[in-house]
Amino acid sequence: MTNYIEPLVQESTPSIIADRLRKAIGHGELKPGMQLGEADLARKLGVSRGPLREGMQRLTQEGLLIAIRNRGLFVVDMTADDVRDMYLAREAIERAAARKIIEGDHAAAGEVLLALVAEMAAATDPAEVSEVDIAFHERLVALAGSPRLSRMHRTFITETRMCIHALEETYAAAEVRVEEHRALAEAIKTGDTALADHLLIAHMDDAIARLTTR
Protein backbone atom coordinates (compact mmCIF):
# COMPACT_ATOMS: atom_id res chain seq x y z
CA MET A 1 0.00 0.00 0.00
CA THR A 2 1.31 3.47 -0.90
CA ASN A 3 1.74 5.82 2.03
CA TYR A 4 1.07 9.45 1.19
CA ILE A 5 1.84 10.85 4.66
CA GLU A 6 5.63 10.70 4.53
CA PRO A 7 8.42 13.25 4.04
CA LEU A 8 8.30 15.18 0.78
CA VAL A 9 11.38 14.63 -1.36
CA GLN A 10 10.94 17.80 -3.39
CA GLU A 11 10.51 21.43 -2.44
CA SER A 12 7.33 21.59 -0.40
CA THR A 13 4.61 24.03 -1.40
CA PRO A 14 0.98 24.28 -0.29
CA SER A 15 -0.18 22.77 -3.59
CA ILE A 16 2.10 19.74 -3.21
CA ILE A 17 0.97 19.28 0.39
CA ALA A 18 -2.69 19.60 -0.62
CA ASP A 19 -2.21 16.99 -3.34
CA ARG A 20 -0.51 14.59 -0.92
CA LEU A 21 -3.28 15.00 1.65
CA ARG A 22 -5.94 14.66 -1.06
CA LYS A 23 -4.48 11.33 -2.14
CA ALA A 24 -4.21 10.15 1.47
CA ILE A 25 -7.90 10.94 1.99
CA GLY A 26 -8.95 9.29 -1.27
CA HIS A 27 -7.03 6.09 -0.54
CA GLY A 28 -8.22 5.79 3.04
CA GLU A 29 -4.95 6.62 4.81
CA LEU A 30 -6.74 9.57 6.34
CA LYS A 31 -10.18 8.14 7.11
CA PRO A 32 -13.60 9.85 7.08
CA GLY A 33 -14.25 11.64 10.37
CA MET A 34 -10.57 11.55 11.37
CA GLN A 35 -9.17 14.61 13.12
CA LEU A 36 -5.99 16.03 11.60
CA GLY A 37 -3.26 16.93 14.06
CA GLU A 38 -1.22 19.79 12.67
CA ALA A 39 1.98 18.98 14.56
CA ASP A 40 1.81 15.28 13.69
CA LEU A 41 1.16 15.93 9.98
CA ALA A 42 3.92 18.53 9.78
CA ARG A 43 6.34 16.01 11.28
CA LYS A 44 5.29 13.16 9.00
CA LEU A 45 5.42 15.29 5.86
CA GLY A 46 8.64 16.99 6.89
CA VAL A 47 7.23 20.49 6.38
CA SER A 48 6.66 23.59 8.46
CA ARG A 49 3.23 24.48 9.75
CA GLY A 50 2.76 27.54 7.51
CA PRO A 51 2.54 25.73 4.14
CA LEU A 52 0.74 22.82 5.84
CA ARG A 53 -2.01 25.17 7.06
CA GLU A 54 -2.36 26.64 3.58
CA GLY A 55 -2.52 23.18 2.01
CA MET A 56 -5.21 22.11 4.49
CA GLN A 57 -7.12 25.33 3.84
CA ARG A 58 -7.28 24.40 0.14
CA LEU A 59 -8.85 21.06 1.03
CA THR A 60 -11.30 22.82 3.36
CA GLN A 61 -12.37 25.00 0.44
CA GLU A 62 -12.79 21.87 -1.70
CA GLY A 63 -14.99 20.30 0.98
CA LEU A 64 -12.66 17.40 1.79
CA LEU A 65 -11.86 18.78 5.23
CA ILE A 66 -14.25 20.44 7.64
CA ALA A 67 -13.31 22.91 10.37
CA ILE A 68 -15.25 22.51 13.62
CA ARG A 69 -14.96 25.48 15.95
CA ASN A 70 -12.91 24.83 19.09
CA ARG A 71 -12.19 21.28 17.94
CA GLY A 72 -10.06 21.46 14.80
CA LEU A 73 -9.96 20.05 11.28
CA PHE A 74 -11.58 16.75 10.34
CA VAL A 75 -11.81 14.65 7.18
CA VAL A 76 -15.35 14.97 5.86
CA ASP A 77 -17.60 11.97 6.57
CA MET A 78 -19.61 11.04 3.45
CA THR A 79 -23.28 10.47 4.28
CA ALA A 80 -25.79 9.00 1.83
CA ASP A 81 -26.93 12.55 1.00
CA ASP A 82 -23.31 13.55 0.35
CA VAL A 83 -22.91 10.60 -2.01
CA ARG A 84 -26.01 11.62 -3.98
CA ASP A 85 -24.88 15.23 -4.19
CA MET A 86 -21.35 14.29 -5.24
CA TYR A 87 -22.59 12.03 -8.04
CA LEU A 88 -24.98 14.76 -9.21
CA ALA A 89 -21.98 17.05 -9.67
CA ARG A 90 -19.87 14.31 -11.26
CA GLU A 91 -22.67 13.53 -13.68
CA ALA A 92 -22.84 17.15 -14.83
CA ILE A 93 -19.08 17.30 -15.40
CA GLU A 94 -18.76 13.95 -17.16
CA ARG A 95 -21.76 14.53 -19.42
CA ALA A 96 -20.25 17.85 -20.47
CA ALA A 97 -16.89 16.14 -21.04
CA ALA A 98 -18.46 13.41 -23.19
CA ARG A 99 -20.24 15.98 -25.36
CA LYS A 100 -17.00 17.90 -25.84
CA ILE A 101 -15.09 14.71 -26.77
CA ILE A 102 -17.68 13.74 -29.37
CA GLU A 103 -17.29 17.15 -31.01
CA GLY A 104 -13.66 16.18 -31.75
CA ASP A 105 -11.75 12.97 -32.48
CA HIS A 106 -14.18 10.73 -30.63
CA ALA A 107 -12.94 7.56 -32.34
CA ALA A 108 -9.43 7.97 -30.91
CA ALA A 109 -10.84 8.92 -27.50
CA GLY A 110 -13.04 5.82 -27.54
CA GLU A 111 -10.00 3.64 -28.21
CA VAL A 112 -8.19 5.16 -25.23
CA LEU A 113 -11.19 4.43 -23.00
CA LEU A 114 -11.58 0.90 -24.36
CA ALA A 115 -7.95 0.20 -23.46
CA LEU A 116 -8.81 1.07 -19.86
CA VAL A 117 -11.87 -1.19 -20.05
CA ALA A 118 -9.54 -4.02 -21.11
CA GLU A 119 -7.36 -3.30 -18.06
CA MET A 120 -10.44 -3.41 -15.85
CA ALA A 121 -11.52 -6.74 -17.34
CA ALA A 122 -8.04 -8.20 -16.74
CA ALA A 123 -7.83 -7.03 -13.13
CA THR A 124 -8.29 -9.75 -10.52
CA ASP A 125 -8.14 -7.73 -7.31
CA PRO A 126 -11.27 -5.69 -6.37
CA ALA A 127 -9.11 -2.73 -5.34
CA GLU A 128 -7.38 -2.80 -8.72
CA VAL A 129 -10.75 -2.89 -10.50
CA SER A 130 -11.81 0.18 -8.51
CA GLU A 131 -8.63 2.06 -9.40
CA VAL A 132 -9.04 1.35 -13.11
CA ASP A 133 -12.71 2.33 -12.83
CA ILE A 134 -11.67 5.69 -11.39
CA ALA A 135 -8.88 6.07 -13.96
CA PHE A 136 -11.47 5.61 -16.72
CA HIS A 137 -13.51 8.56 -15.46
CA GLU A 138 -10.43 10.72 -14.88
CA ARG A 139 -9.32 9.99 -18.45
CA LEU A 140 -12.81 10.68 -19.80
CA VAL A 141 -12.73 14.19 -18.37
CA ALA A 142 -9.09 14.76 -19.36
CA LEU A 143 -9.90 13.84 -22.97
CA ALA A 144 -12.32 16.77 -23.11
CA GLY A 145 -9.32 19.09 -22.89
CA SER A 146 -11.00 21.42 -20.38
CA PRO A 147 -8.74 22.43 -17.44
CA ARG A 148 -11.76 23.73 -15.53
CA LEU A 149 -13.74 20.50 -15.84
CA SER A 150 -10.64 18.53 -14.78
CA ARG A 151 -10.04 20.82 -11.81
CA MET A 152 -13.62 20.47 -10.55
CA HIS A 153 -13.63 16.74 -11.21
CA ARG A 154 -10.50 16.14 -9.10
CA THR A 155 -12.27 16.76 -5.79
CA PHE A 156 -15.23 14.56 -6.71
CA ILE A 157 -12.90 11.72 -7.70
CA THR A 158 -11.30 11.92 -4.24
CA GLU A 159 -14.76 11.69 -2.69
CA THR A 160 -15.58 8.77 -4.98
CA ARG A 161 -12.54 6.90 -3.70
CA MET A 162 -13.68 7.61 -0.13
CA CYS A 163 -17.12 6.17 -0.91
CA ILE A 164 -15.74 3.05 -2.54
CA HIS A 165 -13.32 2.37 0.32
CA ALA A 166 -15.98 2.95 2.97
CA LEU A 167 -18.82 1.08 1.21
CA GLU A 168 -16.91 -1.52 -0.78
CA GLU A 169 -19.25 -4.34 0.21
CA THR A 170 -22.19 -2.71 -1.59
CA TYR A 171 -20.29 -1.95 -4.79
CA ALA A 172 -21.06 -3.91 -7.95
CA ALA A 173 -19.23 -6.99 -9.15
CA ALA A 174 -16.36 -6.38 -11.55
CA GLU A 175 -18.12 -7.87 -14.58
CA VAL A 176 -21.05 -5.45 -14.22
CA ARG A 177 -18.70 -2.49 -14.01
CA VAL A 178 -16.70 -3.67 -17.02
CA GLU A 179 -19.79 -3.90 -19.23
CA GLU A 180 -21.09 -0.49 -18.13
CA HIS A 181 -17.78 1.15 -19.01
CA ARG A 182 -17.40 -0.76 -22.27
CA ALA A 183 -20.84 0.39 -23.46
CA LEU A 184 -19.98 4.00 -22.63
CA ALA A 185 -16.60 3.83 -24.38
CA GLU A 186 -18.21 2.33 -27.49
CA ALA A 187 -20.86 5.07 -27.56
CA ILE A 188 -18.14 7.72 -27.41
CA LYS A 189 -16.08 5.93 -30.06
CA THR A 190 -19.01 5.91 -32.49
CA GLY A 191 -19.91 9.52 -31.69
CA ASP A 192 -23.37 8.72 -30.35
CA THR A 193 -23.98 11.72 -28.11
CA ALA A 194 -27.49 10.73 -27.03
CA LEU A 195 -26.45 7.19 -26.08
CA ALA A 196 -23.33 8.33 -24.23
CA ASP A 197 -25.42 10.84 -22.28
CA HIS A 198 -28.03 8.20 -21.43
CA LEU A 199 -25.38 5.70 -20.32
CA LEU A 200 -23.63 8.24 -18.11
CA ILE A 201 -26.88 9.15 -16.35
CA ALA A 202 -27.70 5.47 -15.82
CA HIS A 203 -24.15 4.75 -14.63
CA MET A 204 -24.26 7.51 -12.03
CA ASP A 205 -27.76 6.54 -10.85
CA ASP A 206 -26.62 2.93 -10.51
CA ALA A 207 -23.55 3.95 -8.52
CA ILE A 208 -25.69 6.03 -6.15
CA ALA A 209 -28.04 3.09 -5.59
CA ARG A 210 -25.19 0.70 -4.90
CA LEU A 211 -23.21 2.99 -2.62
CA THR A 212 -26.19 4.12 -0.52
CA THR A 213 -27.64 0.64 0.02
CA ARG A 214 -27.11 -0.54 3.58
C-alpha atoms as a PDB file:
ATOM      1  CA  MET A   1       0.000   0.000   0.000  1.00  0.00           C
ATOM      2  CA  THR A   2       1.310   3.467  -0.901  1.00  0.00           C
ATOM      3  CA  ASN A   3       1.741   5.820   2.033  1.00  0.00           C
ATOM      4  CA  TYR A   4       1.070   9.448   1.188  1.00  0.00           C
ATOM      5  CA  ILE A   5       1.835  10.848   4.662  1.00  0.00           C
ATOM      6  CA  GLU A   6       5.632  10.700   4.531  1.00  0.00           C
ATOM      7  CA  PRO A   7       8.418  13.247   4.039  1.00  0.00           C
ATOM      8  CA  LEU A   8       8.295  15.183   0.776  1.00  0.00           C
ATOM      9  CA  VAL A   9      11.377  14.633  -1.356  1.00  0.00           C
ATOM     10  CA  GLN A  10      10.944  17.798  -3.388  1.00  0.00           C
ATOM     11  CA  GLU A  11      10.511  21.430  -2.435  1.00  0.00           C
ATOM     12  CA  SER A  12       7.332  21.591  -0.403  1.00  0.00           C
ATOM     13  CA  THR A  13       4.606  24.025  -1.404  1.00  0.00           C
ATOM     14  CA  PRO A  14       0.979  24.279  -0.288  1.00  0.00           C
ATOM     15  CA  SER A  15      -0.184  22.771  -3.589  1.00  0.00           C
ATOM     16  CA  ILE A  16       2.104  19.740  -3.206  1.00  0.00           C
ATOM     17  CA  ILE A  17       0.975  19.283   0.393  1.00  0.00           C
ATOM     18  CA  ALA A  18      -2.692  19.598  -0.620  1.00  0.00           C
ATOM     19  CA  ASP A  19      -2.208  16.993  -3.343  1.00  0.00           C
ATOM     20  CA  ARG A  20      -0.514  14.587  -0.924  1.00  0.00           C
ATOM     21  CA  LEU A  21      -3.285  15.000   1.646  1.00  0.00           C
ATOM     22  CA  ARG A  22      -5.942  14.664  -1.060  1.00  0.00           C
ATOM     23  CA  LYS A  23      -4.479  11.331  -2.138  1.00  0.00           C
ATOM     24  CA  ALA A  24      -4.206  10.150   1.470  1.00  0.00           C
ATOM     25  CA  ILE A  25      -7.902  10.939   1.985  1.00  0.00           C
ATOM     26  CA  GLY A  26      -8.947   9.288  -1.267  1.00  0.00           C
ATOM     27  CA  HIS A  27      -7.029   6.087  -0.536  1.00  0.00           C
ATOM     28  CA  GLY A  28      -8.223   5.791   3.043  1.00  0.00           C
ATOM     29  CA  GLU A  29      -4.953   6.618   4.808  1.00  0.00           C
ATOM     30  CA  LEU A  30      -6.743   9.575   6.345  1.00  0.00           C
ATOM     31  CA  LYS A  31     -10.179   8.140   7.107  1.00  0.00           C
ATOM     32  CA  PRO A  32     -13.598   9.848   7.079  1.00  0.00           C
ATOM     33  CA  GLY A  33     -14.252  11.643  10.366  1.00  0.00           C
ATOM     34  CA  MET A  34     -10.567  11.545  11.365  1.00  0.00           C
ATOM     35  CA  GLN A  35      -9.168  14.613  13.121  1.00  0.00           C
ATOM     36  CA  LEU A  36      -5.986  16.030  11.600  1.00  0.00           C
ATOM     37  CA  GLY A  37      -3.261  16.929  14.065  1.00  0.00           C
ATOM     38  CA  GLU A  38      -1.223  19.793  12.670  1.00  0.00           C
ATOM     39  CA  ALA A  39       1.980  18.984  14.564  1.00  0.00           C
ATOM     40  CA  ASP A  40       1.808  15.282  13.690  1.00  0.00           C
ATOM     41  CA  LEU A  41       1.158  15.925   9.984  1.00  0.00           C
ATOM     42  CA  ALA A  42       3.921  18.527   9.775  1.00  0.00           C
ATOM     43  CA  ARG A  43       6.341  16.010  11.283  1.00  0.00           C
ATOM     44  CA  LYS A  44       5.287  13.160   8.999  1.00  0.00           C
ATOM     45  CA  LEU A  45       5.415  15.293   5.864  1.00  0.00           C
ATOM     46  CA  GLY A  46       8.639  16.991   6.895  1.00  0.00           C
ATOM     47  CA  VAL A  47       7.228  20.494   6.375  1.00  0.00           C
ATOM     48  CA  SER A  48       6.662  23.588   8.462  1.00  0.00           C
ATOM     49  CA  ARG A  49       3.232  24.483   9.753  1.00  0.00           C
ATOM     50  CA  GLY A  50       2.764  27.540   7.506  1.00  0.00           C
ATOM     51  CA  PRO A  51       2.536  25.729   4.139  1.00  0.00           C
ATOM     52  CA  LEU A  52       0.744  22.823   5.837  1.00  0.00           C
ATOM     53  CA  ARG A  53      -2.005  25.167   7.063  1.00  0.00           C
ATOM     54  CA  GLU A  54      -2.360  26.643   3.580  1.00  0.00           C
ATOM     55  CA  GLY A  55      -2.524  23.184   2.008  1.00  0.00           C
ATOM     56  CA  MET A  56      -5.211  22.109   4.486  1.00  0.00           C
ATOM     57  CA  GLN A  57      -7.120  25.330   3.839  1.00  0.00           C
ATOM     58  CA  ARG A  58      -7.280  24.404   0.141  1.00  0.00           C
ATOM     59  CA  LEU A  59      -8.854  21.063   1.029  1.00  0.00           C
ATOM     60  CA  THR A  60     -11.300  22.822   3.361  1.00  0.00           C
ATOM     61  CA  GLN A  61     -12.374  25.003   0.441  1.00  0.00           C
ATOM     62  CA  GLU A  62     -12.792  21.865  -1.699  1.00  0.00           C
ATOM     63  CA  GLY A  63     -14.995  20.304   0.983  1.00  0.00           C
ATOM     64  CA  LEU A  64     -12.662  17.396   1.787  1.00  0.00           C
ATOM     65  CA  LEU A  65     -11.864  18.782   5.235  1.00  0.00           C
ATOM     66  CA  ILE A  66     -14.248  20.441   7.640  1.00  0.00           C
ATOM     67  CA  ALA A  67     -13.310  22.915  10.372  1.00  0.00           C
ATOM     68  CA  ILE A  68     -15.253  22.511  13.619  1.00  0.00           C
ATOM     69  CA  ARG A  69     -14.961  25.483  15.951  1.00  0.00           C
ATOM     70  CA  ASN A  70     -12.915  24.835  19.091  1.00  0.00           C
ATOM     71  CA  ARG A  71     -12.185  21.285  17.942  1.00  0.00           C
ATOM     72  CA  GLY A  72     -10.061  21.463  14.804  1.00  0.00           C
ATOM     73  CA  LEU A  73      -9.961  20.054  11.281  1.00  0.00           C
ATOM     74  CA  PHE A  74     -11.578  16.749  10.337  1.00  0.00           C
ATOM     75  CA  VAL A  75     -11.813  14.655   7.182  1.00  0.00           C
ATOM     76  CA  VAL A  76     -15.354  14.966   5.858  1.00  0.00           C
ATOM     77  CA  ASP A  77     -17.604  11.970   6.569  1.00  0.00           C
ATOM     78  CA  MET A  78     -19.608  11.039   3.454  1.00  0.00           C
ATOM     79  CA  THR A  79     -23.277  10.469   4.279  1.00  0.00           C
ATOM     80  CA  ALA A  80     -25.790   9.003   1.825  1.00  0.00           C
ATOM     81  CA  ASP A  81     -26.932  12.553   0.995  1.00  0.00           C
ATOM     82  CA  ASP A  82     -23.308  13.554   0.348  1.00  0.00           C
ATOM     83  CA  VAL A  83     -22.912  10.595  -2.014  1.00  0.00           C
ATOM     84  CA  ARG A  84     -26.007  11.617  -3.983  1.00  0.00           C
ATOM     85  CA  ASP A  85     -24.876  15.231  -4.191  1.00  0.00           C
ATOM     86  CA  MET A  86     -21.347  14.295  -5.239  1.00  0.00           C
ATOM     87  CA  TYR A  87     -22.590  12.032  -8.036  1.00  0.00           C
ATOM     88  CA  LEU A  88     -24.977  14.761  -9.205  1.00  0.00           C
ATOM     89  CA  ALA A  89     -21.976  17.052  -9.666  1.00  0.00           C
ATOM     90  CA  ARG A  90     -19.870  14.314 -11.256  1.00  0.00           C
ATOM     91  CA  GLU A  91     -22.666  13.528 -13.677  1.00  0.00           C
ATOM     92  CA  ALA A  92     -22.837  17.149 -14.835  1.00  0.00           C
ATOM     93  CA  ILE A  93     -19.077  17.301 -15.400  1.00  0.00           C
ATOM     94  CA  GLU A  94     -18.763  13.952 -17.159  1.00  0.00           C
ATOM     95  CA  ARG A  95     -21.761  14.528 -19.422  1.00  0.00           C
ATOM     96  CA  ALA A  96     -20.249  17.849 -20.474  1.00  0.00           C
ATOM     97  CA  ALA A  97     -16.892  16.142 -21.044  1.00  0.00           C
ATOM     98  CA  ALA A  98     -18.460  13.411 -23.192  1.00  0.00           C
ATOM     99  CA  ARG A  99     -20.244  15.976 -25.358  1.00  0.00           C
ATOM    100  CA  LYS A 100     -16.995  17.899 -25.845  1.00  0.00           C
ATOM    101  CA  ILE A 101     -15.094  14.710 -26.769  1.00  0.00           C
ATOM    102  CA  ILE A 102     -17.678  13.738 -29.368  1.00  0.00           C
ATOM    103  CA  GLU A 103     -17.288  17.146 -31.015  1.00  0.00           C
ATOM    104  CA  GLY A 104     -13.660  16.181 -31.746  1.00  0.00           C
ATOM    105  CA  ASP A 105     -11.749  12.975 -32.478  1.00  0.00           C
ATOM    106  CA  HIS A 106     -14.176  10.727 -30.628  1.00  0.00           C
ATOM    107  CA  ALA A 107     -12.937   7.556 -32.338  1.00  0.00           C
ATOM    108  CA  ALA A 108      -9.432   7.970 -30.907  1.00  0.00           C
ATOM    109  CA  ALA A 109     -10.839   8.920 -27.495  1.00  0.00           C
ATOM    110  CA  GLY A 110     -13.040   5.823 -27.542  1.00  0.00           C
ATOM    111  CA  GLU A 111      -9.998   3.639 -28.207  1.00  0.00           C
ATOM    112  CA  VAL A 112      -8.186   5.159 -25.226  1.00  0.00           C
ATOM    113  CA  LEU A 113     -11.188   4.430 -22.998  1.00  0.00           C
ATOM    114  CA  LEU A 114     -11.582   0.901 -24.361  1.00  0.00           C
ATOM    115  CA  ALA A 115      -7.953   0.203 -23.462  1.00  0.00           C
ATOM    116  CA  LEU A 116      -8.815   1.070 -19.858  1.00  0.00           C
ATOM    117  CA  VAL A 117     -11.868  -1.194 -20.046  1.00  0.00           C
ATOM    118  CA  ALA A 118      -9.539  -4.021 -21.107  1.00  0.00           C
ATOM    119  CA  GLU A 119      -7.361  -3.295 -18.058  1.00  0.00           C
ATOM    120  CA  MET A 120     -10.445  -3.411 -15.851  1.00  0.00           C
ATOM    121  CA  ALA A 121     -11.521  -6.743 -17.337  1.00  0.00           C
ATOM    122  CA  ALA A 122      -8.044  -8.198 -16.745  1.00  0.00           C
ATOM    123  CA  ALA A 123      -7.833  -7.027 -13.132  1.00  0.00           C
ATOM    124  CA  THR A 124      -8.288  -9.749 -10.519  1.00  0.00           C
ATOM    125  CA  ASP A 125      -8.144  -7.729  -7.310  1.00  0.00           C
ATOM    126  CA  PRO A 126     -11.271  -5.690  -6.371  1.00  0.00           C
ATOM    127  CA  ALA A 127      -9.107  -2.727  -5.335  1.00  0.00           C
ATOM    128  CA  GLU A 128      -7.381  -2.798  -8.722  1.00  0.00           C
ATOM    129  CA  VAL A 129     -10.753  -2.886 -10.495  1.00  0.00           C
ATOM    130  CA  SER A 130     -11.813   0.180  -8.510  1.00  0.00           C
ATOM    131  CA  GLU A 131      -8.632   2.059  -9.397  1.00  0.00           C
ATOM    132  CA  VAL A 132      -9.041   1.352 -13.115  1.00  0.00           C
ATOM    133  CA  ASP A 133     -12.715   2.327 -12.827  1.00  0.00           C
ATOM    134  CA  ILE A 134     -11.668   5.691 -11.390  1.00  0.00           C
ATOM    135  CA  ALA A 135      -8.875   6.068 -13.959  1.00  0.00           C
ATOM    136  CA  PHE A 136     -11.473   5.607 -16.716  1.00  0.00           C
ATOM    137  CA  HIS A 137     -13.509   8.555 -15.458  1.00  0.00           C
ATOM    138  CA  GLU A 138     -10.432  10.715 -14.883  1.00  0.00           C
ATOM    139  CA  ARG A 139      -9.325   9.995 -18.454  1.00  0.00           C
ATOM    140  CA  LEU A 140     -12.808  10.684 -19.797  1.00  0.00           C
ATOM    141  CA  VAL A 141     -12.733  14.191 -18.368  1.00  0.00           C
ATOM    142  CA  ALA A 142      -9.088  14.755 -19.357  1.00  0.00           C
ATOM    143  CA  LEU A 143      -9.903  13.839 -22.972  1.00  0.00           C
ATOM    144  CA  ALA A 144     -12.318  16.775 -23.115  1.00  0.00           C
ATOM    145  CA  GLY A 145      -9.325  19.094 -22.891  1.00  0.00           C
ATOM    146  CA  SER A 146     -10.998  21.421 -20.380  1.00  0.00           C
ATOM    147  CA  PRO A 147      -8.741  22.432 -17.443  1.00  0.00           C
ATOM    148  CA  ARG A 148     -11.759  23.732 -15.526  1.00  0.00           C
ATOM    149  CA  LEU A 149     -13.736  20.501 -15.843  1.00  0.00           C
ATOM    150  CA  SER A 150     -10.643  18.533 -14.783  1.00  0.00           C
ATOM    151  CA  ARG A 151     -10.040  20.816 -11.806  1.00  0.00           C
ATOM    152  CA  MET A 152     -13.618  20.474 -10.551  1.00  0.00           C
ATOM    153  CA  HIS A 153     -13.625  16.738 -11.206  1.00  0.00           C
ATOM    154  CA  ARG A 154     -10.505  16.137  -9.099  1.00  0.00           C
ATOM    155  CA  THR A 155     -12.268  16.764  -5.788  1.00  0.00           C
ATOM    156  CA  PHE A 156     -15.228  14.565  -6.711  1.00  0.00           C
ATOM    157  CA  ILE A 157     -12.902  11.720  -7.695  1.00  0.00           C
ATOM    158  CA  THR A 158     -11.298  11.922  -4.243  1.00  0.00           C
ATOM    159  CA  GLU A 159     -14.762  11.693  -2.685  1.00  0.00           C
ATOM    160  CA  THR A 160     -15.582   8.769  -4.984  1.00  0.00           C
ATOM    161  CA  ARG A 161     -12.537   6.902  -3.696  1.00  0.00           C
ATOM    162  CA  MET A 162     -13.680   7.614  -0.131  1.00  0.00           C
ATOM    163  CA  CYS A 163     -17.121   6.168  -0.906  1.00  0.00           C
ATOM    164  CA  ILE A 164     -15.745   3.045  -2.544  1.00  0.00           C
ATOM    165  CA  HIS A 165     -13.319   2.372   0.317  1.00  0.00           C
ATOM    166  CA  ALA A 166     -15.981   2.950   2.972  1.00  0.00           C
ATOM    167  CA  LEU A 167     -18.823   1.085   1.207  1.00  0.00           C
ATOM    168  CA  GLU A 168     -16.913  -1.519  -0.778  1.00  0.00           C
ATOM    169  CA  GLU A 169     -19.253  -4.340   0.211  1.00  0.00           C
ATOM    170  CA  THR A 170     -22.188  -2.712  -1.594  1.00  0.00           C
ATOM    171  CA  TYR A 171     -20.292  -1.947  -4.788  1.00  0.00           C
ATOM    172  CA  ALA A 172     -21.064  -3.909  -7.948  1.00  0.00           C
ATOM    173  CA  ALA A 173     -19.226  -6.993  -9.148  1.00  0.00           C
ATOM    174  CA  ALA A 174     -16.360  -6.379 -11.549  1.00  0.00           C
ATOM    175  CA  GLU A 175     -18.115  -7.874 -14.579  1.00  0.00           C
ATOM    176  CA  VAL A 176     -21.052  -5.450 -14.224  1.00  0.00           C
ATOM    177  CA  ARG A 177     -18.705  -2.486 -14.014  1.00  0.00           C
ATOM    178  CA  VAL A 178     -16.696  -3.667 -17.021  1.00  0.00           C
ATOM    179  CA  GLU A 179     -19.786  -3.902 -19.235  1.00  0.00           C
ATOM    180  CA  GLU A 180     -21.086  -0.489 -18.130  1.00  0.00           C
ATOM    181  CA  HIS A 181     -17.782   1.149 -19.005  1.00  0.00           C
ATOM    182  CA  ARG A 182     -17.405  -0.761 -22.273  1.00  0.00           C
ATOM    183  CA  ALA A 183     -20.835   0.394 -23.464  1.00  0.00           C
ATOM    184  CA  LEU A 184     -19.976   4.003 -22.631  1.00  0.00           C
ATOM    185  CA  ALA A 185     -16.600   3.825 -24.381  1.00  0.00           C
ATOM    186  CA  GLU A 186     -18.206   2.329 -27.490  1.00  0.00           C
ATOM    187  CA  ALA A 187     -20.861   5.072 -27.564  1.00  0.00           C
ATOM    188  CA  ILE A 188     -18.141   7.719 -27.407  1.00  0.00           C
ATOM    189  CA  LYS A 189     -16.081   5.928 -30.062  1.00  0.00           C
ATOM    190  CA  THR A 190     -19.011   5.910 -32.493  1.00  0.00           C
ATOM    191  CA  GLY A 191     -19.915   9.523 -31.689  1.00  0.00           C
ATOM    192  CA  ASP A 192     -23.374   8.719 -30.354  1.00  0.00           C
ATOM    193  CA  THR A 193     -23.984  11.725 -28.111  1.00  0.00           C
ATOM    194  CA  ALA A 194     -27.487  10.726 -27.026  1.00  0.00           C
ATOM    195  CA  LEU A 195     -26.452   7.190 -26.083  1.00  0.00           C
ATOM    196  CA  ALA A 196     -23.331   8.334 -24.230  1.00  0.00           C
ATOM    197  CA  ASP A 197     -25.416  10.841 -22.282  1.00  0.00           C
ATOM    198  CA  HIS A 198     -28.033   8.204 -21.434  1.00  0.00           C
ATOM    199  CA  LEU A 199     -25.379   5.704 -20.321  1.00  0.00           C
ATOM    200  CA  LEU A 200     -23.626   8.240 -18.109  1.00  0.00           C
ATOM    201  CA  ILE A 201     -26.877   9.152 -16.353  1.00  0.00           C
ATOM    202  CA  ALA A 202     -27.698   5.470 -15.824  1.00  0.00           C
ATOM    203  CA  HIS A 203     -24.150   4.746 -14.633  1.00  0.00           C
ATOM    204  CA  MET A 204     -24.262   7.509 -12.029  1.00  0.00           C
ATOM    205  CA  ASP A 205     -27.760   6.543 -10.851  1.00  0.00           C
ATOM    206  CA  ASP A 206     -26.622   2.927 -10.511  1.00  0.00           C
ATOM    207  CA  ALA A 207     -23.552   3.950  -8.517  1.00  0.00           C
ATOM    208  CA  ILE A 208     -25.695   6.028  -6.148  1.00  0.00           C
ATOM    209  CA  ALA A 209     -28.043   3.087  -5.586  1.00  0.00           C
ATOM    210  CA  ARG A 210     -25.187   0.696  -4.898  1.00  0.00           C
ATOM    211  CA  LEU A 211     -23.208   2.991  -2.623  1.00  0.00           C
ATOM    212  CA  THR A 212     -26.185   4.119  -0.520  1.00  0.00           C
ATOM    213  CA  THR A 213     -27.643   0.640   0.018  1.00  0.00           C
ATOM    214  CA  ARG A 214     -27.115  -0.543   3.580  1.00  0.00           C
END
